[in-house]
Protein backbone atom coordinates (compact mmCIF):
# COMPACT_ATOMS: atom_id res chain seq x y z
CA MET A 1 -5.71 12.32 12.62
CA GLN A 2 -5.44 15.92 11.07
CA ILE A 3 -5.11 15.42 7.23
CA ILE A 4 -4.13 18.43 5.09
CA LYS A 5 -5.18 18.06 1.17
CA LEU A 6 -3.45 19.94 -1.45
CA ASP A 7 -3.92 20.34 -5.39
CA ALA A 8 0.21 20.94 -5.48
CA THR A 9 3.12 21.30 -3.57
CA GLU A 10 7.15 21.15 -4.61
CA SER A 11 7.18 18.25 -1.75
CA THR A 12 4.90 16.79 1.36
CA ASN A 13 7.68 16.29 2.83
CA ALA A 14 9.04 19.73 2.81
CA PHE A 15 5.49 21.11 2.93
CA LEU A 16 5.12 18.77 6.76
CA LYS A 17 8.63 20.20 7.55
CA ASN A 18 7.77 23.99 7.40
CA LEU A 19 4.50 23.17 9.35
CA ILE A 20 6.45 21.75 12.35
CA PHE A 21 8.97 24.45 12.41
CA SER A 22 6.23 26.85 12.72
CA GLU A 23 3.84 25.64 15.01
CA LEU A 24 4.05 22.12 16.80
CA GLN A 25 2.07 19.41 15.14
CA LYS A 26 0.27 16.34 16.44
CA ASP A 27 1.02 12.46 15.84
CA TYR A 28 -0.21 11.53 12.66
CA THR A 29 -0.65 15.07 10.86
CA LEU A 30 -0.89 13.68 6.99
CA VAL A 31 -0.13 15.83 4.03
CA VAL A 32 -1.55 14.57 1.02
CA ALA A 33 -1.04 16.23 -2.34
CA LYS A 34 -2.37 15.58 -5.92
CA GLU A 35 0.42 16.51 -7.67
CA GLN A 36 4.12 16.96 -6.17
CA LEU A 37 5.97 19.01 -8.29
CA ASN A 38 9.50 18.18 -6.53
CA GLY A 39 9.06 15.14 -5.16
CA ARG A 40 12.27 13.33 -3.93
CA GLY A 41 13.18 9.70 -3.40
CA GLN A 42 16.05 7.95 -1.83
CA MET A 43 19.67 9.77 -2.88
CA GLY A 44 17.98 12.81 -4.45
CA THR A 45 16.40 11.17 -7.08
CA ASN A 46 12.97 12.85 -8.12
CA TRP A 47 9.73 11.07 -8.26
CA GLN A 48 7.32 10.94 -11.08
CA SER A 49 3.94 11.12 -10.86
CA GLU A 50 0.95 11.53 -12.75
CA PRO A 51 -1.62 14.62 -10.54
CA GLY A 52 -4.11 13.09 -9.33
CA LYS A 53 -3.27 9.34 -9.81
CA ASN A 54 -0.81 8.26 -7.37
CA LEU A 55 -0.57 8.23 -3.59
CA THR A 56 1.65 11.31 -2.50
CA PHE A 57 1.63 11.95 1.23
CA SER A 58 3.83 12.52 4.14
CA VAL A 59 2.92 11.55 8.00
CA LEU A 60 4.42 13.01 10.83
CA ARG A 61 5.10 10.75 14.08
CA ASN A 62 6.40 12.24 17.44
CA PHE A 63 8.89 10.39 19.57
CA ASN A 64 9.69 10.89 23.53
CA ASN A 65 12.47 8.31 22.94
CA PHE A 66 13.59 7.00 20.00
CA LYS A 67 17.03 6.29 19.93
CA ILE A 68 19.14 7.14 17.04
CA LYS A 69 20.51 3.54 17.09
CA ASP A 70 16.90 2.76 16.32
CA HIS A 71 16.73 5.01 13.15
CA PHE A 72 16.40 1.86 10.44
CA VAL A 73 13.43 0.26 12.11
CA LEU A 74 11.34 3.87 10.56
CA ASN A 75 12.57 2.04 7.54
CA ILE A 76 10.99 -1.40 8.61
CA ILE A 77 8.12 -0.26 10.02
CA THR A 78 7.24 1.92 6.90
CA SER A 79 7.96 -0.82 4.76
CA LEU A 80 6.06 -3.62 6.82
CA ALA A 81 3.11 -0.97 6.51
CA VAL A 82 2.77 -0.63 3.03
CA TYR A 83 3.35 -4.08 2.30
CA SER A 84 0.72 -5.22 4.65
CA SER A 85 -1.78 -3.00 2.99
CA LEU A 86 -0.97 -4.01 -0.55
CA GLU A 87 -1.13 -7.34 0.63
CA ALA A 88 -4.62 -7.07 1.92
CA LEU A 89 -5.52 -5.80 -1.36
CA LYS A 90 -3.79 -9.03 -2.92
CA ILE A 91 -1.17 -7.44 -5.06
CA PRO A 92 0.81 -10.27 -6.10
CA ASN A 93 4.57 -10.96 -5.52
CA LEU A 94 5.05 -8.37 -2.94
CA ARG A 95 8.58 -8.05 -1.79
CA VAL A 96 10.83 -5.24 0.26
CA LYS A 97 14.07 -4.05 -1.84
CA TRP A 98 16.18 -3.13 0.63
CA PRO A 99 16.03 -0.59 2.24
CA ASN A 100 12.46 0.52 1.64
CA ASP A 101 11.24 0.04 -1.80
CA ILE A 102 8.25 -2.12 -2.63
CA LEU A 103 8.02 -4.36 -5.32
CA SER A 104 5.77 -6.57 -7.37
CA GLY A 105 7.61 -8.97 -8.90
CA SER A 106 10.49 -7.40 -10.06
CA GLN A 107 9.04 -4.00 -10.67
CA LYS A 108 8.57 -0.91 -8.30
CA ILE A 109 5.29 0.23 -6.99
CA CYS A 110 6.38 2.57 -4.26
CA GLY A 111 8.72 4.34 -2.51
CA ILE A 112 9.61 5.79 1.19
CA LEU A 113 11.31 8.80 2.25
CA PRO A 114 11.65 9.21 5.89
CA GLU A 115 13.41 12.43 7.50
CA ASN A 116 14.00 12.58 11.09
CA ILE A 117 14.62 15.68 13.64
CA ILE A 118 16.88 14.77 16.15
CA LYS A 119 17.98 16.56 19.10
CA ASN A 120 20.72 15.06 21.99
CA ASP A 121 20.83 12.05 20.17
CA LEU A 122 17.19 10.92 20.10
CA ILE A 123 14.54 11.21 16.98
CA LYS A 124 12.23 13.33 18.34
CA SER A 125 9.81 13.07 14.96
CA SER A 126 10.27 11.97 11.64
CA ILE A 127 8.52 12.79 8.57
CA ILE A 128 7.43 9.84 6.68
CA GLY A 129 7.20 10.46 2.81
CA ILE A 130 5.07 8.15 0.84
CA GLY A 131 5.14 7.64 -2.81
CA LEU A 132 2.73 5.02 -4.22
CA ASN A 133 2.07 4.16 -7.97
CA VAL A 134 -1.73 3.13 -8.18
CA ASN A 135 -3.20 4.62 -11.30
CA GLN A 136 -0.65 5.65 -13.25
CA THR A 137 0.11 3.33 -16.29
CA ASP A 138 2.65 5.28 -18.34
CA PHE A 139 6.36 5.02 -16.82
CA VAL A 140 8.24 6.78 -19.60
CA ASN A 141 11.75 5.49 -19.34
CA LEU A 142 10.91 3.78 -16.35
CA PRO A 143 11.25 0.41 -17.32
CA LEU A 144 11.01 -1.38 -13.66
CA ALA A 145 8.08 0.95 -12.63
CA THR A 146 4.68 -0.19 -12.56
CA SER A 147 1.41 0.64 -10.42
CA LEU A 148 -1.64 -0.91 -9.12
CA LYS A 149 -3.75 -0.54 -11.71
CA ASN A 150 -1.34 -2.14 -14.52
CA ILE A 151 -0.82 -5.17 -12.10
CA MET A 152 -4.74 -5.61 -11.24
CA GLY A 153 -6.44 -4.01 -13.89
CA SER A 154 -8.64 -1.83 -11.93
CA ASP A 155 -8.51 1.78 -10.45
CA TYR A 156 -8.46 2.41 -6.90
CA SER A 157 -9.09 4.76 -3.58
CA THR A 158 -6.29 6.18 -2.93
CA GLU A 159 -7.71 7.50 0.16
CA THR A 160 -9.07 4.06 1.22
CA ILE A 161 -5.18 3.15 0.90
CA MET A 162 -3.67 5.82 2.56
CA ASN A 163 -5.83 5.05 5.43
CA SER A 164 -5.19 1.47 5.59
CA ILE A 165 -1.45 2.56 5.70
CA VAL A 166 -1.75 4.91 8.73
CA TRP A 167 -3.46 2.19 10.77
CA GLN A 168 -0.93 -0.39 10.02
CA LEU A 169 2.20 2.53 10.82
CA ARG A 170 0.31 3.05 14.07
CA LYS A 171 0.57 -0.88 14.60
CA GLY A 172 3.82 -1.19 13.89
CA PHE A 173 4.82 1.53 16.27
CA GLU A 174 3.30 0.17 19.36
CA LEU A 175 5.41 -3.13 18.23
CA TYR A 176 8.16 -0.76 18.21
CA GLU A 177 7.21 0.80 21.54
CA SER A 178 6.14 -2.71 23.42
CA GLY A 179 9.74 -3.94 22.65
CA ALA A 180 9.00 -6.11 20.22
CA ILE A 181 11.87 -5.28 17.61
CA ASP A 182 12.75 -8.59 16.96
CA ILE A 183 9.32 -9.60 15.39
CA LEU A 184 9.31 -6.23 13.48
CA ASN A 185 13.31 -7.64 11.92
CA LYS A 186 12.05 -10.76 11.18
CA SER A 187 8.71 -9.69 9.19
CA TYR A 188 11.39 -7.17 7.62
CA GLU A 189 13.79 -10.02 6.38
CA SER A 190 11.23 -12.45 5.57
CA SER A 191 9.97 -9.83 2.72
CA LEU A 192 13.37 -8.86 1.31
CA PHE A 193 13.26 -9.05 -2.14
CA ARG A 194 16.30 -11.66 -3.53
CA LYS A 195 16.85 -12.85 0.12
CA ASP A 196 19.40 -16.26 0.14
CA LYS A 197 19.36 -16.34 -3.81
CA ALA A 198 22.84 -15.72 -5.71
CA SER A 199 22.81 -11.64 -6.63
CA THR A 200 25.01 -9.23 -8.27
CA PHE A 201 25.82 -5.86 -6.71
CA LYS A 202 27.97 -2.89 -7.95
CA LYS A 203 29.91 -0.85 -5.37
CA LEU A 204 30.47 2.65 -5.52
CA ASN A 205 33.80 2.03 -7.60
CA GLU A 206 31.34 0.46 -10.95
CA GLU A 207 33.27 -2.84 -9.55
CA THR A 208 30.74 -5.50 -9.26
CA PHE A 209 30.35 -8.84 -7.53
CA THR A 210 28.00 -12.00 -6.51
CA GLY A 211 26.54 -12.57 -2.93
CA ILE A 212 23.53 -13.32 -1.49
CA ILE A 213 21.56 -11.69 1.02
CA ARG A 214 21.42 -12.89 4.67
CA GLY A 215 19.93 -10.22 6.09
CA ILE A 216 20.07 -6.85 8.26
CA THR A 217 22.03 -5.53 10.86
CA GLU A 218 20.77 -3.51 13.83
CA THR A 219 21.56 -0.33 12.32
CA GLY A 220 20.17 -1.27 8.93
CA LYS A 221 23.23 -2.35 7.05
CA ILE A 222 22.66 -5.50 4.70
CA SER A 223 24.28 -8.57 5.31
CA ILE A 224 25.80 -10.71 2.07
CA GLU A 225 27.29 -13.56 1.90
CA ILE A 226 30.37 -13.49 -0.62
CA GLU A 227 33.14 -16.31 -1.17
CA ASP A 228 33.65 -18.63 1.62
CA GLU A 229 30.74 -18.10 3.56
CA ILE A 230 32.17 -14.65 4.70
CA LEU A 231 29.47 -11.94 5.61
CA LYS A 232 30.13 -8.69 5.17
CA GLU A 233 28.15 -5.79 5.63
CA PHE A 234 27.22 -2.65 3.51
CA ALA A 235 25.55 0.31 3.99
CA PHE A 236 23.20 1.95 1.98
CA LYS A 237 24.93 4.37 -0.66
CA GLU A 238 27.65 1.58 -0.79
CA ILE A 239 26.46 -0.43 -2.80
CA GLU A 240 23.52 -0.98 -5.54
CA LEU A 241 21.41 -4.51 -5.98
CA LEU A 242 21.37 -5.07 -9.67
CA TYR A 243 18.48 -7.22 -11.19
């Protein structure tokens, strides 16, 4: 496992992507930075992180036969890898907020951004960016953000946590490659935030509705039960789960 450590970079995902385009990189090549100057989250949002206090890294995984239709499995494997690593630290009330935010209670502690390189209907490589709030304690204008230190009251080694996450990633990909997608799906669904509870959602047109999360589809859409036990499927960016 090659680890590239940086004091600062615009984005660990972008840095790793540039490496791939200039020279073939081995599986589980990691880029970890003390500071991301332009870290990105889902839907183009910025990831805010104080230098040196959190875990911001990207990991490369190359594939021989990873079908595009299974793309959401990358979110599942990564979410479960972070979830399991934090569970081992006894972080309380862990949940996965669809598609791949990790929460403690209702507060966000980790965001995940997978970016795929596609060729001939196959995912050839995936760059998986992970931002985990570890030792930062103040989050200005982010009332729903927290950190491991805020939750548990002590500092943590970011390197130890990173090594644990990568080990869990390896286990997840081994399950996928052995054909055990059902096991991954069930573990993910059992960890879903607000599953089987009445929740409020907002559509792109700002319209809100009430429904109950029942699971996910093979393509990663969220399945929500609305009135009269009707199930509707929504893609990421089509709706937002309101707290």
